[in-house]
Amino acid sequence: MKRVSAALVLAVVANTALADTSPIVRLDNPAAVAVALRQEGFRSQLTKDDRNRPVIETGIGGIYFSVKFYGCSDGRDCFGLLLSAWFDVENGVALDVLNRWNSDAYIGRAYSNAQCDPVIDHYIFLDRKREVSHFIEEIEFWGEALADFRDTVFEADETPNRVATCGGNDVL
């Protein structure tokens, strides 16, 4: 009787342990990341940039962003990825808005591109394998940062702070 009980307990523990595990996504494999995003309800399209590096086009909370892969060998075995979003702001964005964001935020660094539009990105060093749930959680934190950044930029666009120069033009 004790042997049956011990075997039953072992089976229950083994099943519980299996139920608590999350699938692993190979973050160093762009195609696997695109599939994992789709399985979690995100739109994701795997493309390549002008340097032939893998890029996933996706979005969260109505905000488009890209996932760019770095250090890849033949489109695989990548060592990092960069989440990146940009916003088209009619008059550009003042540098003090970006500086304030950078001094307060812990997810996402902000800067302006050649058109003086605000850009935010976040680099993730890849540890090769990560549970899908942890990766999606990181994407959700990124989504919160994107929404906060968008609100900060467009609030600043409505109430200019000071003049800054971008490409020789004054930007409020």
N, C-alpha and C. Protein backbone atom coordinates (compact mmCIF):
# COMPACT_ATOMS: atom_id res chain seq x y z
N MET A 1 0.81 -1.18 0.00
CA MET A 1 0.00 0.00 0.00
C MET A 1 0.86 1.26 0.00
N LYS A 2 1.96 1.25 0.77
CA LYS A 2 2.83 2.40 0.81
C LYS A 2 3.48 2.63 -0.55
N ARG A 3 3.80 1.57 -1.27
CA ARG A 3 4.41 1.73 -2.59
C ARG A 3 3.44 2.39 -3.56
N VAL A 4 2.19 2.03 -3.52
CA VAL A 4 1.19 2.63 -4.40
C VAL A 4 1.03 4.10 -4.06
N SER A 5 0.96 4.42 -2.79
CA SER A 5 0.81 5.81 -2.38
C SER A 5 2.01 6.64 -2.80
N ALA A 6 3.21 6.11 -2.62
CA ALA A 6 4.42 6.83 -3.01
C ALA A 6 4.44 7.03 -4.53
N ALA A 7 4.07 6.03 -5.28
CA ALA A 7 4.03 6.15 -6.74
C ALA A 7 2.99 7.17 -7.17
N LEU A 8 1.84 7.18 -6.51
CA LEU A 8 0.79 8.13 -6.82
C LEU A 8 1.25 9.57 -6.52
N VAL A 9 1.88 9.75 -5.38
CA VAL A 9 2.40 11.07 -5.02
C VAL A 9 3.44 11.51 -6.04
N LEU A 10 4.33 10.63 -6.42
CA LEU A 10 5.36 10.95 -7.40
C LEU A 10 4.73 11.34 -8.74
N ALA A 11 3.71 10.63 -9.17
CA ALA A 11 3.02 10.94 -10.43
C ALA A 11 2.36 12.31 -10.36
N VAL A 12 1.71 12.62 -9.26
CA VAL A 12 1.06 13.92 -9.10
C VAL A 12 2.09 15.04 -9.11
N VAL A 13 3.20 14.86 -8.40
CA VAL A 13 4.26 15.87 -8.37
C VAL A 13 4.84 16.06 -9.76
N ALA A 14 5.08 14.97 -10.48
CA ALA A 14 5.64 15.06 -11.82
C ALA A 14 4.68 15.80 -12.75
N ASN A 15 3.38 15.51 -12.68
CA ASN A 15 2.40 16.19 -13.53
C ASN A 15 2.30 17.67 -13.18
N THR A 16 2.36 18.00 -11.91
CA THR A 16 2.32 19.40 -11.48
C THR A 16 3.54 20.15 -11.98
N ALA A 17 4.70 19.52 -11.90
CA ALA A 17 5.92 20.15 -12.37
C ALA A 17 5.85 20.41 -13.87
N LEU A 18 5.30 19.47 -14.62
CA LEU A 18 5.16 19.65 -16.06
C LEU A 18 4.16 20.73 -16.39
N ALA A 19 3.08 20.82 -15.61
CA ALA A 19 2.05 21.82 -15.86
C ALA A 19 2.56 23.23 -15.59
N ASP A 20 3.55 23.39 -14.71
CA ASP A 20 4.06 24.70 -14.35
C ASP A 20 5.13 25.22 -15.30
N THR A 21 5.58 24.40 -16.23
CA THR A 21 6.63 24.86 -17.13
C THR A 21 6.01 25.57 -18.33
N SER A 22 6.71 26.57 -18.78
CA SER A 22 6.29 27.33 -19.95
C SER A 22 7.18 26.94 -21.11
N PRO A 23 6.64 26.97 -22.33
CA PRO A 23 7.50 26.67 -23.47
C PRO A 23 8.66 27.66 -23.54
N ILE A 24 9.74 27.22 -24.11
CA ILE A 24 10.93 28.05 -24.29
C ILE A 24 10.89 28.63 -25.70
N VAL A 25 11.18 29.92 -25.83
CA VAL A 25 11.31 30.52 -27.16
C VAL A 25 12.80 30.77 -27.37
N ARG A 26 13.27 30.35 -28.51
CA ARG A 26 14.67 30.60 -28.86
C ARG A 26 14.76 32.04 -29.36
N LEU A 27 15.10 32.95 -28.46
CA LEU A 27 15.17 34.37 -28.82
C LEU A 27 16.29 34.66 -29.81
N ASP A 28 17.23 33.72 -29.94
CA ASP A 28 18.29 33.92 -30.91
C ASP A 28 17.85 33.51 -32.32
N ASN A 29 16.61 33.05 -32.45
CA ASN A 29 16.05 32.61 -33.73
C ASN A 29 14.87 33.53 -34.08
N PRO A 30 15.04 34.49 -34.99
CA PRO A 30 13.98 35.44 -35.31
C PRO A 30 12.67 34.79 -35.73
N ALA A 31 12.72 33.70 -36.48
CA ALA A 31 11.48 33.04 -36.91
C ALA A 31 10.71 32.50 -35.70
N ALA A 32 11.42 31.95 -34.72
CA ALA A 32 10.77 31.44 -33.51
C ALA A 32 10.14 32.58 -32.70
N VAL A 33 10.80 33.73 -32.67
CA VAL A 33 10.25 34.88 -31.96
C VAL A 33 8.98 35.35 -32.65
N ALA A 34 8.98 35.41 -33.98
CA ALA A 34 7.79 35.82 -34.73
C ALA A 34 6.63 34.88 -34.45
N VAL A 35 6.89 33.58 -34.43
CA VAL A 35 5.84 32.59 -34.14
C VAL A 35 5.33 32.76 -32.71
N ALA A 36 6.23 32.94 -31.75
CA ALA A 36 5.82 33.12 -30.35
C ALA A 36 4.94 34.35 -30.19
N LEU A 37 5.28 35.43 -30.86
CA LEU A 37 4.45 36.64 -30.80
C LEU A 37 3.07 36.38 -31.38
N ARG A 38 3.00 35.70 -32.53
CA ARG A 38 1.70 35.37 -33.14
C ARG A 38 0.87 34.49 -32.22
N GLN A 39 1.51 33.51 -31.60
CA GLN A 39 0.78 32.61 -30.70
C GLN A 39 0.22 33.34 -29.48
N GLU A 40 0.83 34.47 -29.13
CA GLU A 40 0.35 35.26 -28.00
C GLU A 40 -0.60 36.37 -28.44
N GLY A 41 -0.99 36.37 -29.72
CA GLY A 41 -2.00 37.31 -30.19
C GLY A 41 -1.47 38.58 -30.84
N PHE A 42 -0.16 38.67 -31.01
CA PHE A 42 0.42 39.84 -31.67
C PHE A 42 0.49 39.59 -33.17
N ARG A 43 0.33 40.65 -33.94
CA ARG A 43 0.64 40.53 -35.36
C ARG A 43 2.16 40.58 -35.45
N SER A 44 2.75 39.77 -36.28
CA SER A 44 4.20 39.83 -36.45
C SER A 44 4.56 39.38 -37.86
N GLN A 45 5.34 40.21 -38.50
CA GLN A 45 5.80 39.92 -39.84
C GLN A 45 7.33 39.97 -39.84
N LEU A 46 7.94 38.88 -40.20
CA LEU A 46 9.40 38.78 -40.26
C LEU A 46 9.87 39.28 -41.61
N THR A 47 10.73 40.30 -41.58
CA THR A 47 11.30 40.88 -42.80
C THR A 47 12.80 41.02 -42.60
N LYS A 48 13.43 41.78 -43.47
CA LYS A 48 14.87 42.09 -43.33
C LYS A 48 15.05 43.58 -43.54
N ASP A 49 16.07 44.13 -42.85
CA ASP A 49 16.35 45.55 -43.04
C ASP A 49 17.29 45.74 -44.22
N ASP A 50 17.72 46.98 -44.44
CA ASP A 50 18.57 47.27 -45.60
C ASP A 50 19.96 46.65 -45.50
N ARG A 51 20.33 46.12 -44.34
CA ARG A 51 21.60 45.42 -44.16
C ARG A 51 21.41 43.90 -44.11
N ASN A 52 20.21 43.46 -44.50
CA ASN A 52 19.86 42.04 -44.54
C ASN A 52 19.76 41.39 -43.16
N ARG A 53 19.53 42.21 -42.12
CA ARG A 53 19.33 41.69 -40.77
C ARG A 53 17.86 41.41 -40.55
N PRO A 54 17.54 40.37 -39.77
CA PRO A 54 16.14 40.06 -39.49
C PRO A 54 15.46 41.17 -38.68
N VAL A 55 14.21 41.46 -39.05
CA VAL A 55 13.39 42.45 -38.35
C VAL A 55 11.97 41.90 -38.27
N ILE A 56 11.36 42.03 -37.10
CA ILE A 56 9.95 41.69 -36.95
C ILE A 56 9.18 42.99 -36.82
N GLU A 57 8.15 43.15 -37.62
CA GLU A 57 7.27 44.31 -37.52
C GLU A 57 6.04 43.87 -36.74
N THR A 58 5.74 44.60 -35.66
CA THR A 58 4.65 44.22 -34.78
C THR A 58 4.11 45.47 -34.09
N GLY A 59 3.33 45.30 -33.07
CA GLY A 59 2.79 46.44 -32.35
C GLY A 59 2.11 46.00 -31.07
N ILE A 60 1.84 46.98 -30.20
CA ILE A 60 1.14 46.72 -28.95
C ILE A 60 0.40 48.00 -28.56
N GLY A 61 -0.83 47.84 -28.11
CA GLY A 61 -1.61 48.99 -27.66
C GLY A 61 -1.82 50.02 -28.75
N GLY A 62 -1.89 49.60 -30.00
CA GLY A 62 -2.08 50.53 -31.11
C GLY A 62 -0.81 51.24 -31.54
N ILE A 63 0.33 50.85 -31.01
CA ILE A 63 1.60 51.48 -31.35
C ILE A 63 2.47 50.48 -32.10
N TYR A 64 2.87 50.86 -33.30
CA TYR A 64 3.74 50.02 -34.12
C TYR A 64 5.15 50.07 -33.55
N PHE A 65 5.83 48.92 -33.56
CA PHE A 65 7.26 48.89 -33.23
C PHE A 65 7.94 47.76 -33.98
N SER A 66 9.25 47.83 -34.02
CA SER A 66 10.01 46.79 -34.70
C SER A 66 10.92 46.08 -33.70
N VAL A 67 11.25 44.85 -34.03
CA VAL A 67 12.20 44.05 -33.26
C VAL A 67 13.34 43.75 -34.22
N LYS A 68 14.49 44.38 -33.98
CA LYS A 68 15.65 44.19 -34.84
C LYS A 68 16.64 43.26 -34.15
N PHE A 69 17.18 42.32 -34.88
CA PHE A 69 18.11 41.33 -34.34
C PHE A 69 19.54 41.70 -34.70
N TYR A 70 20.45 41.52 -33.75
CA TYR A 70 21.85 41.89 -33.94
C TYR A 70 22.77 40.71 -33.65
N GLY A 71 23.92 40.72 -34.31
CA GLY A 71 24.93 39.70 -34.10
C GLY A 71 24.55 38.34 -34.62
N CYS A 72 23.71 38.30 -35.63
CA CYS A 72 23.23 37.02 -36.17
C CYS A 72 24.24 36.42 -37.14
N SER A 73 24.17 35.12 -37.26
CA SER A 73 24.96 34.39 -38.23
C SER A 73 23.98 33.70 -39.17
N ASP A 74 23.92 34.15 -40.41
CA ASP A 74 22.95 33.62 -41.39
C ASP A 74 21.51 33.72 -40.89
N GLY A 75 21.18 34.82 -40.23
CA GLY A 75 19.81 35.05 -39.77
C GLY A 75 19.41 34.27 -38.54
N ARG A 76 20.38 33.66 -37.86
CA ARG A 76 20.12 32.88 -36.65
C ARG A 76 21.25 33.13 -35.66
N ASP A 77 21.14 32.50 -34.50
CA ASP A 77 22.17 32.59 -33.46
C ASP A 77 22.49 34.05 -33.12
N CYS A 78 21.46 34.87 -33.01
CA CYS A 78 21.62 36.30 -32.72
C CYS A 78 21.96 36.48 -31.24
N PHE A 79 22.68 37.54 -30.90
CA PHE A 79 23.02 37.76 -29.50
C PHE A 79 22.25 38.90 -28.86
N GLY A 80 21.47 39.65 -29.65
CA GLY A 80 20.70 40.74 -29.06
C GLY A 80 19.56 41.16 -29.96
N LEU A 81 18.59 41.82 -29.35
CA LEU A 81 17.51 42.39 -30.15
C LEU A 81 17.18 43.77 -29.62
N LEU A 82 16.70 44.61 -30.51
CA LEU A 82 16.39 45.99 -30.19
C LEU A 82 14.94 46.25 -30.54
N LEU A 83 14.15 46.60 -29.51
CA LEU A 83 12.77 47.02 -29.71
C LEU A 83 12.82 48.50 -30.03
N SER A 84 12.13 48.94 -31.06
CA SER A 84 12.24 50.33 -31.48
C SER A 84 10.92 50.85 -32.03
N ALA A 85 10.56 52.08 -31.62
CA ALA A 85 9.35 52.74 -32.13
C ALA A 85 9.67 54.21 -32.37
N TRP A 86 8.96 54.81 -33.31
CA TRP A 86 9.14 56.23 -33.57
C TRP A 86 7.77 56.84 -33.82
N PHE A 87 7.70 58.14 -33.60
CA PHE A 87 6.43 58.86 -33.70
C PHE A 87 6.62 60.06 -34.61
N ASP A 88 5.67 60.27 -35.50
CA ASP A 88 5.70 61.41 -36.40
C ASP A 88 5.08 62.60 -35.68
N VAL A 89 5.92 63.57 -35.34
CA VAL A 89 5.46 64.77 -34.65
C VAL A 89 5.71 65.94 -35.59
N GLU A 90 4.67 66.68 -35.90
CA GLU A 90 4.73 67.72 -36.92
C GLU A 90 5.93 68.66 -36.77
N ASN A 91 6.16 69.16 -35.59
CA ASN A 91 7.25 70.11 -35.38
C ASN A 91 8.46 69.50 -34.68
N GLY A 92 8.58 68.20 -34.70
CA GLY A 92 9.67 67.55 -33.99
C GLY A 92 9.43 67.59 -32.49
N VAL A 93 10.44 67.25 -31.74
CA VAL A 93 10.31 67.21 -30.29
C VAL A 93 11.51 67.93 -29.68
N ALA A 94 11.25 68.68 -28.63
CA ALA A 94 12.33 69.42 -27.96
C ALA A 94 13.24 68.46 -27.20
N LEU A 95 14.51 68.78 -27.18
CA LEU A 95 15.48 67.91 -26.52
C LEU A 95 15.23 67.79 -25.02
N ASP A 96 14.69 68.83 -24.39
CA ASP A 96 14.45 68.73 -22.95
C ASP A 96 13.38 67.69 -22.64
N VAL A 97 12.46 67.46 -23.56
CA VAL A 97 11.45 66.41 -23.37
C VAL A 97 12.13 65.04 -23.39
N LEU A 98 13.01 64.84 -24.36
CA LEU A 98 13.73 63.56 -24.46
C LEU A 98 14.67 63.38 -23.27
N ASN A 99 15.35 64.45 -22.88
CA ASN A 99 16.25 64.37 -21.72
C ASN A 99 15.48 64.02 -20.45
N ARG A 100 14.33 64.63 -20.28
CA ARG A 100 13.51 64.33 -19.10
C ARG A 100 13.09 62.86 -19.11
N TRP A 101 12.68 62.39 -20.28
CA TRP A 101 12.29 60.98 -20.40
C TRP A 101 13.47 60.09 -20.00
N ASN A 102 14.63 60.35 -20.58
CA ASN A 102 15.81 59.52 -20.32
C ASN A 102 16.23 59.55 -18.86
N SER A 103 16.02 60.66 -18.18
CA SER A 103 16.42 60.73 -16.78
C SER A 103 15.42 60.03 -15.85
N ASP A 104 14.17 59.90 -16.28
CA ASP A 104 13.14 59.31 -15.42
C ASP A 104 12.81 57.85 -15.74
N ALA A 105 12.96 57.45 -16.99
CA ALA A 105 12.50 56.13 -17.42
C ALA A 105 13.56 55.05 -17.18
N TYR A 106 13.11 53.86 -16.92
CA TYR A 106 14.04 52.73 -16.78
C TYR A 106 13.91 51.76 -17.94
N ILE A 107 12.86 51.88 -18.75
CA ILE A 107 12.74 51.08 -19.96
C ILE A 107 12.65 52.05 -21.13
N GLY A 108 13.57 51.93 -22.05
CA GLY A 108 13.56 52.74 -23.26
C GLY A 108 14.44 53.96 -23.16
N ARG A 109 15.29 54.12 -24.16
CA ARG A 109 16.06 55.35 -24.28
C ARG A 109 15.46 56.14 -25.43
N ALA A 110 15.45 57.46 -25.29
CA ALA A 110 14.79 58.32 -26.27
C ALA A 110 15.81 59.21 -26.96
N TYR A 111 15.56 59.50 -28.22
CA TYR A 111 16.37 60.43 -29.00
C TYR A 111 15.54 60.90 -30.18
N SER A 112 16.05 61.85 -30.95
CA SER A 112 15.33 62.27 -32.15
C SER A 112 16.09 61.79 -33.38
N ASN A 113 15.32 61.44 -34.42
CA ASN A 113 15.94 60.96 -35.65
C ASN A 113 16.28 62.14 -36.56
N ALA A 114 16.69 61.88 -37.79
CA ALA A 114 17.11 62.93 -38.72
C ALA A 114 15.98 63.90 -39.06
N GLN A 115 14.74 63.46 -38.92
CA GLN A 115 13.58 64.32 -39.19
C GLN A 115 13.09 65.01 -37.91
N CYS A 116 13.88 64.89 -36.84
CA CYS A 116 13.56 65.47 -35.52
C CYS A 116 12.36 64.81 -34.86
N ASP A 117 11.96 63.65 -35.35
CA ASP A 117 10.87 62.91 -34.72
C ASP A 117 11.41 62.09 -33.55
N PRO A 118 10.62 61.91 -32.50
CA PRO A 118 11.08 61.15 -31.34
C PRO A 118 11.12 59.64 -31.61
N VAL A 119 12.17 59.03 -31.11
CA VAL A 119 12.38 57.59 -31.24
C VAL A 119 12.63 57.04 -29.84
N ILE A 120 12.13 55.86 -29.58
CA ILE A 120 12.40 55.17 -28.32
C ILE A 120 12.83 53.75 -28.66
N ASP A 121 13.84 53.25 -27.96
CA ASP A 121 14.24 51.86 -28.17
C ASP A 121 14.68 51.23 -26.86
N HIS A 122 14.77 49.93 -26.90
CA HIS A 122 15.13 49.16 -25.70
C HIS A 122 15.87 47.91 -26.15
N TYR A 123 17.11 47.75 -25.70
CA TYR A 123 17.95 46.62 -26.10
C TYR A 123 17.79 45.47 -25.12
N ILE A 124 17.72 44.27 -25.65
CA ILE A 124 17.65 43.05 -24.84
C ILE A 124 18.81 42.14 -25.25
N PHE A 125 19.70 41.89 -24.31
CA PHE A 125 20.78 40.93 -24.55
C PHE A 125 20.19 39.54 -24.41
N LEU A 126 20.43 38.69 -25.36
CA LEU A 126 19.78 37.38 -25.40
C LEU A 126 20.57 36.33 -24.64
N ASP A 127 19.87 35.60 -23.82
CA ASP A 127 20.48 34.49 -23.09
C ASP A 127 20.19 33.16 -23.78
N ARG A 128 19.86 33.23 -25.04
CA ARG A 128 19.58 32.08 -25.93
C ARG A 128 18.22 31.45 -25.70
N LYS A 129 17.87 31.15 -24.45
CA LYS A 129 16.58 30.50 -24.19
C LYS A 129 15.87 31.25 -23.08
N ARG A 130 14.60 31.47 -23.27
CA ARG A 130 13.81 32.15 -22.25
C ARG A 130 12.38 31.63 -22.38
N GLU A 131 11.70 31.52 -21.26
CA GLU A 131 10.32 31.08 -21.33
C GLU A 131 9.50 32.11 -22.07
N VAL A 132 8.55 31.63 -22.87
CA VAL A 132 7.69 32.52 -23.64
C VAL A 132 6.99 33.51 -22.72
N SER A 133 6.52 33.04 -21.56
CA SER A 133 5.80 33.93 -20.65
C SER A 133 6.68 35.08 -20.18
N HIS A 134 7.96 34.82 -19.94
CA HIS A 134 8.87 35.89 -19.52
C HIS A 134 9.13 36.87 -20.66
N PHE A 135 9.26 36.36 -21.87
CA PHE A 135 9.47 37.22 -23.03
C PHE A 135 8.25 38.11 -23.26
N ILE A 136 7.06 37.53 -23.20
CA ILE A 136 5.82 38.30 -23.40
C ILE A 136 5.66 39.33 -22.29
N GLU A 137 6.04 38.98 -21.08
CA GLU A 137 5.98 39.95 -19.98
C GLU A 137 6.90 41.14 -20.27
N GLU A 138 8.07 40.88 -20.82
CA GLU A 138 8.98 41.96 -21.17
C GLU A 138 8.38 42.83 -22.27
N ILE A 139 7.71 42.21 -23.24
CA ILE A 139 7.04 42.96 -24.30
C ILE A 139 5.91 43.82 -23.71
N GLU A 140 5.19 43.29 -22.73
CA GLU A 140 4.12 44.06 -22.10
C GLU A 140 4.67 45.26 -21.33
N PHE A 141 5.80 45.09 -20.64
CA PHE A 141 6.46 46.23 -19.97
C PHE A 141 6.88 47.27 -21.02
N TRP A 142 7.41 46.79 -22.13
CA TRP A 142 7.77 47.68 -23.24
C TRP A 142 6.54 48.43 -23.73
N GLY A 143 5.41 47.75 -23.85
CA GLY A 143 4.17 48.39 -24.28
C GLY A 143 3.74 49.51 -23.35
N GLU A 144 3.90 49.29 -22.04
CA GLU A 144 3.58 50.34 -21.07
C GLU A 144 4.52 51.53 -21.24
N ALA A 145 5.80 51.27 -21.46
CA ALA A 145 6.76 52.34 -21.68
C ALA A 145 6.42 53.11 -22.96
N LEU A 146 6.02 52.40 -24.01
CA LEU A 146 5.64 53.05 -25.27
C LEU A 146 4.47 54.00 -25.06
N ALA A 147 3.45 53.52 -24.35
CA ALA A 147 2.27 54.36 -24.11
C ALA A 147 2.65 55.60 -23.29
N ASP A 148 3.46 55.44 -22.27
CA ASP A 148 3.91 56.58 -21.47
C ASP A 148 4.73 57.55 -22.32
N PHE A 149 5.60 57.02 -23.16
CA PHE A 149 6.43 57.86 -24.01
C PHE A 149 5.56 58.63 -25.00
N ARG A 150 4.62 57.95 -25.63
CA ARG A 150 3.70 58.60 -26.57
C ARG A 150 2.97 59.75 -25.89
N ASP A 151 2.44 59.48 -24.69
CA ASP A 151 1.71 60.52 -23.96
C ASP A 151 2.63 61.69 -23.62
N THR A 152 3.85 61.40 -23.21
CA THR A 152 4.82 62.45 -22.88
C THR A 152 5.15 63.31 -24.09
N VAL A 153 5.39 62.66 -25.23
CA VAL A 153 5.78 63.37 -26.44
C VAL A 153 4.63 64.23 -26.95
N PHE A 154 3.42 63.67 -27.01
CA PHE A 154 2.32 64.44 -27.57
C PHE A 154 1.79 65.49 -26.61
N GLU A 155 1.95 65.29 -25.33
CA GLU A 155 1.64 66.35 -24.37
C GLU A 155 2.63 67.49 -24.55
N ALA A 156 3.89 67.17 -24.73
CA ALA A 156 4.93 68.19 -24.94
C ALA A 156 4.71 68.91 -26.27
N ASP A 157 4.20 68.18 -27.28
CA ASP A 157 3.96 68.77 -28.59
C ASP A 157 2.90 69.87 -28.49
N GLU A 158 1.93 69.69 -27.58
CA GLU A 158 0.86 70.67 -27.41
C GLU A 158 1.30 71.87 -26.58
N THR A 159 2.27 71.66 -25.69
CA THR A 159 2.75 72.74 -24.83
C THR A 159 4.27 72.81 -24.93
N PRO A 160 4.80 73.49 -25.95
CA PRO A 160 6.25 73.55 -26.13
C PRO A 160 6.96 74.11 -24.91
N ASN A 161 8.15 73.58 -24.65
CA ASN A 161 8.91 73.99 -23.49
C ASN A 161 9.96 75.05 -23.83
N ARG A 162 10.75 74.80 -24.83
CA ARG A 162 11.78 75.76 -25.22
C ARG A 162 12.23 75.44 -26.64
N VAL A 163 12.96 76.33 -27.21
CA VAL A 163 13.42 76.12 -28.57
C VAL A 163 14.71 75.30 -28.57
N ALA A 164 14.77 74.33 -29.45
CA ALA A 164 15.99 73.55 -29.66
C ALA A 164 16.22 73.51 -31.17
N THR A 165 17.45 73.25 -31.58
CA THR A 165 17.75 73.23 -33.00
C THR A 165 17.89 71.77 -33.46
N CYS A 166 17.25 71.49 -34.58
CA CYS A 166 17.32 70.16 -35.16
C CYS A 166 17.54 70.33 -36.66
N GLY A 167 18.67 69.93 -37.13
CA GLY A 167 18.96 70.06 -38.57
C GLY A 167 18.97 71.50 -39.04
N GLY A 168 19.34 72.43 -38.16
CA GLY A 168 19.39 73.84 -38.54
C GLY A 168 18.07 74.57 -38.40
N ASN A 169 16.99 73.84 -38.06
CA ASN A 169 15.68 74.46 -37.88
C ASN A 169 15.34 74.53 -36.40
N ASP A 170 14.66 75.60 -36.03
CA ASP A 170 14.22 75.70 -34.64
C ASP A 170 13.04 74.77 -34.40
N VAL A 171 13.10 74.03 -33.32
CA VAL A 171 12.03 73.12 -32.92
C VAL A 171 11.55 73.59 -31.56
N LEU A 172 10.28 73.80 -31.43
CA LEU A 172 9.73 74.21 -30.12
C LEU A 172 9.69 73.05 -29.17
